[in-house]
């Protein structure tokens, strides 16, 4: 009887511990050879693609390196864009912000944009944080510049994602530059 009771207690203990396992397993990550370090709550997948940025009535190709993962019904992304000559950093950042909002069918006026602080980020253009809620999605982003690279970190969820604010705080506070 004692042995059965121990197994039951052990089984319940294991079940309780498994129930307490965090859904977001934060880990250090880097974007390829970038100096940026970040915490991500899951193992990210990586991709590289070419995007077009508007500049003086023409499009300029830029390289976008990304990584992202999904955990606890939220998507986390981290991206770096090499800005080519011929486009100002502020213009490239503005174009990226507009494209991010457009992907959620949101207009620039729909987003709350505020200053954001990150040690090591370039002061011009200043780091920014934005948030938007649509009928189907919620998202928070940060954008910042370092050494002629623009970075974006983002957290996406459905319109009722209750854990998004807390997850975004942890994610964005884990971003470090040299």
N, C-alpha and C. Protein backbone atom coordinates (compact mmCIF):
# COMPACT_ATOMS: atom_id res chain seq x y z
N UNK A 1 0.81 -1.20 0.00
CA UNK A 1 0.00 0.00 0.00
C UNK A 1 0.86 1.26 0.00
N UNK A 2 1.90 1.27 0.82
CA UNK A 2 2.82 2.40 0.89
C UNK A 2 3.46 2.66 -0.48
N UNK A 3 3.83 1.59 -1.16
CA UNK A 3 4.46 1.71 -2.47
C UNK A 3 3.48 2.29 -3.49
N UNK A 4 2.24 1.91 -3.45
CA UNK A 4 1.23 2.43 -4.37
C UNK A 4 1.01 3.92 -4.09
N UNK A 5 0.94 4.28 -2.83
CA UNK A 5 0.75 5.67 -2.45
C UNK A 5 1.92 6.53 -2.95
N UNK A 6 3.15 6.02 -2.82
CA UNK A 6 4.32 6.77 -3.32
C UNK A 6 4.24 6.98 -4.82
N UNK A 7 3.82 5.95 -5.57
CA UNK A 7 3.70 6.08 -7.03
C UNK A 7 2.62 7.10 -7.41
N UNK A 8 1.51 7.09 -6.67
CA UNK A 8 0.44 8.04 -6.94
C UNK A 8 0.94 9.46 -6.67
N UNK A 9 1.59 9.65 -5.52
CA UNK A 9 2.11 10.98 -5.17
C UNK A 9 3.16 11.41 -6.20
N UNK A 10 4.06 10.51 -6.59
CA UNK A 10 5.08 10.83 -7.59
C UNK A 10 4.42 11.20 -8.92
N UNK A 11 3.42 10.43 -9.33
CA UNK A 11 2.71 10.73 -10.57
C UNK A 11 2.01 12.07 -10.53
N UNK A 12 1.38 12.38 -9.41
CA UNK A 12 0.73 13.69 -9.26
C UNK A 12 1.77 14.81 -9.28
N UNK A 13 2.89 14.59 -8.62
CA UNK A 13 3.96 15.60 -8.60
C UNK A 13 4.48 15.88 -10.00
N UNK A 14 4.67 14.84 -10.77
CA UNK A 14 5.15 15.02 -12.16
C UNK A 14 4.09 15.77 -12.98
N UNK A 15 2.82 15.40 -12.80
CA UNK A 15 1.74 16.08 -13.53
C UNK A 15 1.69 17.56 -13.18
N UNK A 16 1.85 17.89 -11.89
CA UNK A 16 1.84 19.29 -11.47
C UNK A 16 3.02 20.03 -12.07
N UNK A 17 4.21 19.43 -12.04
CA UNK A 17 5.39 20.09 -12.62
C UNK A 17 5.23 20.29 -14.11
N UNK A 18 4.67 19.33 -14.81
CA UNK A 18 4.47 19.48 -16.25
C UNK A 18 3.46 20.58 -16.54
N UNK A 19 2.46 20.71 -15.68
CA UNK A 19 1.48 21.78 -15.84
C UNK A 19 2.09 23.15 -15.61
N UNK A 20 3.18 23.21 -14.85
CA UNK A 20 3.85 24.49 -14.55
C UNK A 20 4.94 24.81 -15.55
N UNK A 21 5.21 23.92 -16.49
CA UNK A 21 6.25 24.18 -17.47
C UNK A 21 5.85 25.40 -18.29
N UNK A 22 6.71 26.39 -18.38
CA UNK A 22 6.32 27.61 -19.09
C UNK A 22 6.11 27.35 -20.58
N UNK A 23 5.08 28.00 -21.13
CA UNK A 23 4.81 27.87 -22.56
C UNK A 23 5.86 28.60 -23.38
N UNK A 24 6.47 29.62 -22.78
CA UNK A 24 7.49 30.39 -23.47
C UNK A 24 8.85 30.04 -22.87
N UNK A 25 9.64 29.32 -23.63
CA UNK A 25 10.95 28.85 -23.20
C UNK A 25 12.01 29.80 -23.76
N UNK A 26 12.26 30.91 -23.06
CA UNK A 26 13.14 31.98 -23.55
C UNK A 26 14.57 31.49 -23.68
N UNK A 27 15.21 31.85 -24.80
CA UNK A 27 16.59 31.46 -25.09
C UNK A 27 17.28 32.58 -25.86
N UNK A 28 18.60 32.67 -25.70
CA UNK A 28 19.39 33.65 -26.45
C UNK A 28 19.48 33.22 -27.90
N UNK A 29 19.42 34.21 -28.79
CA UNK A 29 19.56 33.94 -30.22
C UNK A 29 20.25 35.12 -30.88
N UNK A 30 20.80 34.88 -32.05
CA UNK A 30 21.42 35.92 -32.88
C UNK A 30 20.90 35.77 -34.30
N UNK A 31 20.90 36.87 -35.00
CA UNK A 31 20.55 36.85 -36.41
C UNK A 31 21.83 36.63 -37.21
N UNK A 32 22.10 35.41 -37.61
CA UNK A 32 23.30 35.06 -38.39
C UNK A 32 24.55 35.69 -37.77
N UNK A 33 25.27 36.53 -38.53
CA UNK A 33 26.52 37.12 -38.04
C UNK A 33 26.32 38.51 -37.43
N UNK A 34 25.08 38.83 -37.10
CA UNK A 34 24.76 40.13 -36.54
C UNK A 34 25.29 40.28 -35.11
N UNK A 35 25.54 41.51 -34.70
CA UNK A 35 25.98 41.80 -33.34
C UNK A 35 24.80 41.81 -32.37
N UNK A 36 23.59 41.82 -32.89
CA UNK A 36 22.40 41.88 -32.06
C UNK A 36 22.15 40.54 -31.37
N UNK A 37 21.82 40.61 -30.09
CA UNK A 37 21.39 39.44 -29.33
C UNK A 37 19.94 39.66 -28.92
N UNK A 38 19.17 38.60 -28.88
CA UNK A 38 17.78 38.70 -28.45
C UNK A 38 17.37 37.43 -27.73
N UNK A 39 16.33 37.55 -26.94
CA UNK A 39 15.70 36.39 -26.32
C UNK A 39 14.51 36.03 -27.17
N UNK A 40 14.39 34.75 -27.53
CA UNK A 40 13.20 34.29 -28.24
C UNK A 40 12.62 33.14 -27.44
N UNK A 41 11.29 33.01 -27.45
CA UNK A 41 10.64 32.00 -26.62
C UNK A 41 10.56 30.61 -27.24
N UNK A 42 11.21 30.44 -28.39
CA UNK A 42 11.16 29.17 -29.09
C UNK A 42 12.31 29.16 -30.09
N UNK A 43 12.61 27.99 -30.64
CA UNK A 43 13.70 27.87 -31.61
C UNK A 43 13.24 28.46 -32.95
N UNK A 44 13.91 29.53 -33.42
CA UNK A 44 13.43 30.19 -34.64
C UNK A 44 13.89 29.51 -35.93
N UNK A 45 13.06 29.68 -36.96
CA UNK A 45 13.43 29.34 -38.33
C UNK A 45 13.98 30.61 -38.96
N UNK A 46 14.82 30.48 -39.97
CA UNK A 46 15.46 31.64 -40.61
C UNK A 46 15.15 31.68 -42.10
N UNK A 47 15.17 32.89 -42.64
CA UNK A 47 14.96 33.09 -44.08
C UNK A 47 15.61 34.40 -44.50
N UNK A 48 15.93 34.51 -45.77
CA UNK A 48 16.47 35.74 -46.36
C UNK A 48 15.69 36.00 -47.64
N UNK A 49 15.36 37.27 -47.86
CA UNK A 49 14.67 37.61 -49.11
C UNK A 49 15.02 39.04 -49.50
N UNK A 50 14.74 39.36 -50.73
CA UNK A 50 14.94 40.71 -51.24
C UNK A 50 13.60 41.43 -51.21
N UNK A 51 13.61 42.66 -50.70
CA UNK A 51 12.41 43.49 -50.68
C UNK A 51 12.71 44.77 -51.43
N UNK A 52 11.67 45.44 -51.88
CA UNK A 52 11.85 46.70 -52.59
C UNK A 52 11.37 47.85 -51.72
N UNK A 53 12.22 48.86 -51.62
CA UNK A 53 11.91 50.06 -50.85
C UNK A 53 11.69 51.22 -51.82
N UNK A 54 10.66 52.04 -51.58
CA UNK A 54 10.44 53.19 -52.46
C UNK A 54 11.45 54.29 -52.17
N UNK A 55 12.05 54.82 -53.24
CA UNK A 55 13.02 55.92 -53.09
C UNK A 55 13.01 56.76 -54.36
N UNK A 56 12.66 58.03 -54.21
CA UNK A 56 12.67 58.96 -55.33
C UNK A 56 11.97 58.41 -56.57
N UNK A 57 10.73 57.98 -56.41
CA UNK A 57 9.89 57.49 -57.51
C UNK A 57 10.44 56.25 -58.19
N UNK A 58 11.22 55.48 -57.47
CA UNK A 58 11.71 54.19 -57.98
C UNK A 58 11.83 53.23 -56.82
N UNK A 59 12.05 51.98 -57.10
CA UNK A 59 12.20 50.97 -56.06
C UNK A 59 13.66 50.54 -55.97
N UNK A 60 14.15 50.44 -54.76
CA UNK A 60 15.53 49.99 -54.51
C UNK A 60 15.46 48.65 -53.77
N UNK A 61 16.23 47.68 -54.25
CA UNK A 61 16.27 46.38 -53.60
C UNK A 61 17.08 46.44 -52.31
N UNK A 62 16.55 45.79 -51.27
CA UNK A 62 17.24 45.67 -49.99
C UNK A 62 17.15 44.21 -49.54
N UNK A 63 18.16 43.75 -48.81
CA UNK A 63 18.18 42.39 -48.31
C UNK A 63 17.60 42.36 -46.90
N UNK A 64 16.66 41.45 -46.70
CA UNK A 64 15.99 41.29 -45.42
C UNK A 64 16.29 39.88 -44.90
N UNK A 65 16.92 39.83 -43.71
CA UNK A 65 17.18 38.55 -43.05
C UNK A 65 16.24 38.45 -41.86
N UNK A 66 15.58 37.31 -41.74
CA UNK A 66 14.55 37.16 -40.72
C UNK A 66 14.71 35.85 -39.97
N UNK A 67 14.18 35.84 -38.76
CA UNK A 67 13.97 34.60 -38.05
C UNK A 67 12.67 34.74 -37.27
N UNK A 68 12.02 33.63 -37.06
CA UNK A 68 10.76 33.69 -36.35
C UNK A 68 10.33 32.34 -35.84
N UNK A 69 9.42 32.37 -34.88
CA UNK A 69 8.88 31.14 -34.32
C UNK A 69 7.53 31.44 -33.71
N UNK A 70 6.82 30.37 -33.34
CA UNK A 70 5.51 30.51 -32.73
C UNK A 70 5.49 29.76 -31.41
N UNK A 71 4.96 30.42 -30.39
CA UNK A 71 4.83 29.80 -29.07
C UNK A 71 3.63 30.42 -28.36
N UNK A 72 2.88 29.62 -27.67
CA UNK A 72 1.75 30.09 -26.87
C UNK A 72 0.77 30.94 -27.70
N UNK A 73 0.50 30.49 -28.94
CA UNK A 73 -0.41 31.18 -29.85
C UNK A 73 0.04 32.58 -30.25
N UNK A 74 1.33 32.86 -30.12
CA UNK A 74 1.91 34.14 -30.55
C UNK A 74 3.04 33.86 -31.53
N UNK A 75 3.23 34.78 -32.48
CA UNK A 75 4.34 34.68 -33.42
C UNK A 75 5.37 35.75 -33.04
N UNK A 76 6.63 35.35 -33.03
CA UNK A 76 7.74 36.24 -32.69
C UNK A 76 8.66 36.30 -33.90
N UNK A 77 9.01 37.52 -34.33
CA UNK A 77 9.92 37.66 -35.46
C UNK A 77 11.02 38.65 -35.10
N UNK A 78 12.15 38.44 -35.74
CA UNK A 78 13.30 39.33 -35.62
C UNK A 78 13.88 39.45 -37.01
N UNK A 79 14.08 40.68 -37.48
CA UNK A 79 14.54 40.87 -38.85
C UNK A 79 15.57 42.00 -38.91
N UNK A 80 16.43 41.89 -39.90
CA UNK A 80 17.48 42.88 -40.13
C UNK A 80 17.48 43.22 -41.62
N UNK A 81 17.50 44.51 -41.92
CA UNK A 81 17.54 44.96 -43.30
C UNK A 81 18.80 45.77 -43.53
N UNK A 82 19.55 45.37 -44.54
CA UNK A 82 20.70 46.15 -44.99
C UNK A 82 20.17 47.23 -45.91
N UNK A 83 20.40 48.46 -45.54
CA UNK A 83 19.87 49.57 -46.33
C UNK A 83 20.90 49.98 -47.38
N UNK A 84 20.55 49.87 -48.64
CA UNK A 84 21.50 50.22 -49.70
C UNK A 84 21.66 51.73 -49.84
N UNK A 85 22.72 52.12 -50.51
CA UNK A 85 22.91 53.54 -50.81
C UNK A 85 21.75 54.02 -51.66
N UNK A 86 21.41 55.28 -51.53
CA UNK A 86 20.34 55.85 -52.34
C UNK A 86 19.03 56.00 -51.59
N UNK A 87 18.98 55.56 -50.34
CA UNK A 87 17.77 55.74 -49.56
C UNK A 87 18.18 56.09 -48.13
N UNK A 88 17.53 57.09 -47.60
CA UNK A 88 17.82 57.53 -46.23
C UNK A 88 17.29 56.51 -45.24
N UNK A 89 18.00 56.36 -44.12
CA UNK A 89 17.58 55.41 -43.08
C UNK A 89 16.15 55.70 -42.62
N UNK A 90 15.83 56.96 -42.38
CA UNK A 90 14.49 57.32 -41.91
C UNK A 90 13.43 56.91 -42.92
N UNK A 91 13.72 57.08 -44.21
CA UNK A 91 12.77 56.70 -45.26
C UNK A 91 12.60 55.18 -45.31
N UNK A 92 13.70 54.45 -45.17
CA UNK A 92 13.63 52.99 -45.18
C UNK A 92 12.84 52.48 -43.98
N UNK A 93 13.09 53.07 -42.81
CA UNK A 93 12.35 52.67 -41.62
C UNK A 93 10.87 52.98 -41.76
N UNK A 94 10.55 54.13 -42.28
CA UNK A 94 9.15 54.52 -42.50
C UNK A 94 8.46 53.56 -43.48
N UNK A 95 9.15 53.19 -44.55
CA UNK A 95 8.59 52.26 -45.53
C UNK A 95 8.35 50.89 -44.91
N UNK A 96 9.28 50.43 -44.07
CA UNK A 96 9.14 49.14 -43.41
C UNK A 96 7.95 49.17 -42.44
N UNK A 97 7.83 50.26 -41.69
CA UNK A 97 6.71 50.39 -40.75
C UNK A 97 5.38 50.36 -41.51
N UNK A 98 5.30 51.10 -42.61
CA UNK A 98 4.06 51.14 -43.41
C UNK A 98 3.74 49.75 -43.97
N UNK A 99 4.76 49.03 -44.43
CA UNK A 99 4.55 47.68 -44.97
C UNK A 99 4.08 46.72 -43.88
N UNK A 100 4.61 46.87 -42.68
CA UNK A 100 4.21 46.01 -41.56
C UNK A 100 2.74 46.23 -41.21
N UNK A 101 2.33 47.48 -41.19
CA UNK A 101 0.92 47.80 -40.91
C UNK A 101 0.02 47.32 -42.04
N UNK A 102 0.45 47.52 -43.28
CA UNK A 102 -0.36 47.11 -44.43
C UNK A 102 -0.59 45.60 -44.44
N UNK A 103 0.40 44.83 -43.97
CA UNK A 103 0.24 43.37 -43.93
C UNK A 103 -0.92 42.96 -43.02
N UNK A 104 -1.26 43.80 -42.04
CA UNK A 104 -2.39 43.53 -41.15
C UNK A 104 -3.64 44.32 -41.57
N UNK A 105 -3.57 44.92 -42.76
CA UNK A 105 -4.66 45.76 -43.28
C UNK A 105 -4.95 46.94 -42.36
N UNK A 106 -3.89 47.50 -41.80
CA UNK A 106 -4.00 48.67 -40.92
C UNK A 106 -3.33 49.85 -41.61
N UNK A 107 -3.80 51.03 -41.29
CA UNK A 107 -3.24 52.27 -41.81
C UNK A 107 -2.29 52.86 -40.77
N UNK A 108 -1.35 53.72 -41.20
CA UNK A 108 -0.43 54.34 -40.24
C UNK A 108 -1.15 55.03 -39.08
N UNK A 109 -2.30 55.63 -39.32
CA UNK A 109 -3.04 56.30 -38.26
C UNK A 109 -3.68 55.34 -37.26
N UNK A 110 -3.75 54.05 -37.59
CA UNK A 110 -4.33 53.05 -36.69
C UNK A 110 -3.36 52.65 -35.58
N UNK A 111 -2.08 52.90 -35.78
CA UNK A 111 -1.06 52.43 -34.84
C UNK A 111 -0.73 53.49 -33.81
N UNK A 112 -0.42 53.03 -32.62
CA UNK A 112 0.13 53.89 -31.58
C UNK A 112 1.64 53.76 -31.69
N UNK A 113 2.32 54.87 -31.98
CA UNK A 113 3.77 54.86 -32.16
C UNK A 113 4.38 55.76 -31.10
N UNK A 114 5.41 55.25 -30.44
CA UNK A 114 6.07 56.02 -29.40
C UNK A 114 7.58 55.80 -29.46
N UNK A 115 8.30 56.68 -28.79
CA UNK A 115 9.75 56.53 -28.70
C UNK A 115 10.06 55.29 -27.88
N UNK A 116 11.18 54.67 -28.17
CA UNK A 116 11.62 53.46 -27.47
C UNK A 116 13.11 53.60 -27.23
N UNK A 117 13.58 53.08 -26.13
CA UNK A 117 15.00 53.19 -25.78
C UNK A 117 15.69 51.85 -25.95
N UNK A 118 16.87 51.87 -26.56
CA UNK A 118 17.72 50.68 -26.66
C UNK A 118 19.17 51.14 -26.64
N UNK A 119 19.89 50.74 -25.63
CA UNK A 119 21.30 51.12 -25.52
C UNK A 119 22.07 50.57 -26.71
N UNK A 120 22.84 51.43 -27.36
CA UNK A 120 23.64 51.05 -28.51
C UNK A 120 22.99 51.35 -29.84
N UNK A 121 21.69 51.64 -29.84
CA UNK A 121 21.00 51.97 -31.09
C UNK A 121 21.38 53.38 -31.53
N UNK A 122 21.41 53.59 -32.84
CA UNK A 122 21.67 54.92 -33.37
C UNK A 122 20.55 55.87 -32.94
N UNK A 123 20.90 57.12 -32.74
CA UNK A 123 19.91 58.12 -32.31
C UNK A 123 19.07 58.64 -33.48
N UNK A 124 19.59 58.53 -34.70
CA UNK A 124 18.88 59.02 -35.88
C UNK A 124 18.82 57.91 -36.91
N UNK A 125 17.64 57.51 -37.34
CA UNK A 125 16.36 57.86 -36.75
C UNK A 125 16.22 57.18 -35.38
N UNK A 126 15.42 57.76 -34.51
CA UNK A 126 15.31 57.22 -33.16
C UNK A 126 14.55 55.89 -33.14
N UNK A 127 14.89 55.02 -32.18
CA UNK A 127 14.14 53.76 -32.03
C UNK A 127 12.67 54.05 -31.76
N UNK A 128 11.81 53.19 -32.30
CA UNK A 128 10.37 53.38 -32.18
C UNK A 128 9.71 52.08 -31.75
N UNK A 129 8.60 52.23 -31.06
CA UNK A 129 7.76 51.09 -30.70
C UNK A 129 6.36 51.40 -31.19
N UNK A 130 5.70 50.40 -31.75
CA UNK A 130 4.35 50.60 -32.27
C UNK A 130 3.46 49.44 -31.86
N UNK A 131 2.17 49.76 -31.79
CA UNK A 131 1.17 48.74 -31.45
C UNK A 131 -0.07 49.00 -32.28
N UNK A 132 -0.71 47.92 -32.72
CA UNK A 132 -1.95 48.06 -33.47
C UNK A 132 -2.86 46.88 -33.12
N UNK A 133 -4.15 47.16 -33.11
CA UNK A 133 -5.16 46.12 -32.94
C UNK A 133 -6.16 46.29 -34.07
N UNK A 134 -6.39 45.21 -34.80
CA UNK A 134 -7.41 45.20 -35.85
C UNK A 134 -8.53 44.27 -35.39
N UNK A 135 -9.49 44.05 -36.24
CA UNK A 135 -10.59 43.15 -35.87
C UNK A 135 -10.11 41.70 -35.74
N UNK A 136 -8.99 41.38 -36.36
CA UNK A 136 -8.51 39.99 -36.33
C UNK A 136 -7.14 39.81 -35.69
N UNK A 137 -6.35 40.86 -35.56
CA UNK A 137 -4.97 40.72 -35.08
C UNK A 137 -4.59 41.80 -34.07
N UNK A 138 -3.57 41.48 -33.30
CA UNK A 138 -2.85 42.45 -32.47
C UNK A 138 -1.38 42.27 -32.80
N UNK A 139 -0.65 43.37 -32.77
CA UNK A 139 0.79 43.28 -33.02
C UNK A 139 1.50 44.40 -32.28
N UNK A 140 2.72 44.10 -31.88
CA UNK A 140 3.63 45.11 -31.35
C UNK A 140 4.95 44.95 -32.06
N UNK A 141 5.56 46.09 -32.40
CA UNK A 141 6.84 46.10 -33.09
C UNK A 141 7.79 47.07 -32.40
N UNK A 142 9.07 46.83 -32.58
CA UNK A 142 10.10 47.84 -32.33
C UNK A 142 10.97 47.89 -33.56
N UNK A 143 11.42 49.10 -33.90
CA UNK A 143 12.35 49.33 -35.00
C UNK A 143 13.51 50.16 -34.47
N UNK A 144 14.70 49.84 -34.90
CA UNK A 144 15.87 50.61 -34.49
C UNK A 144 16.98 50.41 -35.50
N UNK A 145 17.94 51.34 -35.47
CA UNK A 145 19.05 51.32 -36.42
C UNK A 145 20.35 51.14 -35.65
N UNK A 146 21.24 50.35 -36.23
CA UNK A 146 22.58 50.17 -35.68
C UNK A 146 23.52 49.83 -36.84
N UNK A 147 24.55 50.64 -37.00
CA UNK A 147 25.60 50.38 -38.00
C UNK A 147 25.04 50.14 -39.41
N UNK A 148 24.22 51.06 -39.86
CA UNK A 148 23.62 51.05 -41.21
C UNK A 148 22.73 49.83 -41.46
N UNK A 149 22.20 49.27 -40.39
CA UNK A 149 21.24 48.18 -40.47
C UNK A 149 19.98 48.62 -39.74
N UNK A 150 18.81 48.28 -40.28
CA UNK A 150 17.57 48.53 -39.57
C UNK A 150 17.08 47.18 -39.04
N UNK A 151 16.64 47.19 -37.81
CA UNK A 151 16.13 45.98 -37.18
C UNK A 151 14.66 46.16 -36.83
N UNK A 152 13.95 45.06 -36.87
CA UNK A 152 12.56 45.03 -36.43
C UNK A 152 12.36 43.77 -35.61
N UNK A 153 11.78 43.92 -34.43
CA UNK A 153 11.33 42.78 -33.64
C UNK A 153 9.82 42.94 -33.51
N UNK A 154 9.09 41.83 -33.55
CA UNK A 154 7.64 41.91 -33.53
C UNK A 154 7.03 40.72 -32.81
N UNK A 155 5.86 40.97 -32.25
CA UNK A 155 5.04 39.91 -31.65
C UNK A 155 3.65 40.07 -32.25
N UNK A 156 3.10 38.97 -32.78
CA UNK A 156 1.78 38.97 -33.42
C UNK A 156 0.88 37.96 -32.72
N UNK A 157 -0.39 38.31 -32.60
CA UNK A 157 -1.37 37.38 -32.06
C UNK A 157 -2.74 37.72 -32.61
N UNK A 158 -3.73 36.93 -32.22
CA UNK A 158 -5.08 37.26 -32.67
C UNK A 158 -5.58 38.46 -31.87
N UNK A 159 -6.72 38.98 -32.24
CA UNK A 159 -7.23 40.23 -31.65
C UNK A 159 -7.46 40.13 -30.15
N UNK A 160 -7.62 38.92 -29.64
CA UNK A 160 -7.88 38.74 -28.21
C UNK A 160 -6.69 38.13 -27.48
N UNK A 161 -5.50 38.22 -28.03
CA UNK A 161 -4.30 37.61 -27.43
C UNK A 161 -3.98 38.31 -26.10
N UNK A 162 -4.40 37.69 -25.02
CA UNK A 162 -4.27 38.33 -23.71
C UNK A 162 -2.83 38.36 -23.19
N UNK A 163 -1.98 37.47 -23.66
CA UNK A 163 -0.60 37.40 -23.17
C UNK A 163 0.38 38.21 -24.03
N UNK A 164 -0.12 38.88 -25.05
CA UNK A 164 0.76 39.56 -25.99
C UNK A 164 1.56 40.68 -25.32
N UNK A 165 0.94 41.52 -24.52
CA UNK A 165 1.67 42.63 -23.90
C UNK A 165 2.80 42.14 -23.03
N UNK A 166 2.53 41.15 -22.19
CA UNK A 166 3.56 40.60 -21.30
C UNK A 166 4.69 39.96 -22.10
N UNK A 167 4.34 39.18 -23.12
CA UNK A 167 5.36 38.53 -23.94
C UNK A 167 6.20 39.56 -24.69
N UNK A 168 5.56 40.61 -25.20
CA UNK A 168 6.30 41.66 -25.92
C UNK A 168 7.27 42.37 -24.99
N UNK A 169 6.87 42.63 -23.75
CA UNK A 169 7.77 43.28 -22.79
C UNK A 169 9.02 42.45 -22.56
N UNK A 170 8.85 41.16 -22.34
CA UNK A 170 10.00 40.27 -22.12
C UNK A 170 10.86 40.22 -23.37
N UNK A 171 10.22 40.03 -24.52
CA UNK A 171 10.94 39.91 -25.79
C UNK A 171 11.75 41.17 -26.10
N UNK A 172 11.10 42.32 -26.05
CA UNK A 172 11.79 43.57 -26.41
C UNK A 172 12.86 43.95 -25.39
N UNK A 173 12.64 43.64 -24.13
CA UNK A 173 13.65 43.97 -23.12
C UNK A 173 14.88 43.06 -23.22
N UNK A 174 14.75 41.94 -23.93
CA UNK A 174 15.88 41.03 -24.11
C UNK A 174 16.75 41.34 -25.31
N UNK A 175 16.47 42.41 -26.02
CA UNK A 175 17.27 42.80 -27.18
C UNK A 175 18.50 43.57 -26.71
N UNK A 176 19.66 43.13 -27.16
CA UNK A 176 20.93 43.75 -26.74
C UNK A 176 21.83 44.01 -27.95
N UNK A 177 22.42 45.20 -27.96
CA UNK A 177 23.42 45.55 -28.97
C UNK A 177 24.77 45.68 -28.26
N UNK A 178 25.87 45.53 -29.00
CA UNK A 178 27.19 45.66 -28.34
C UNK A 178 27.45 47.08 -27.86
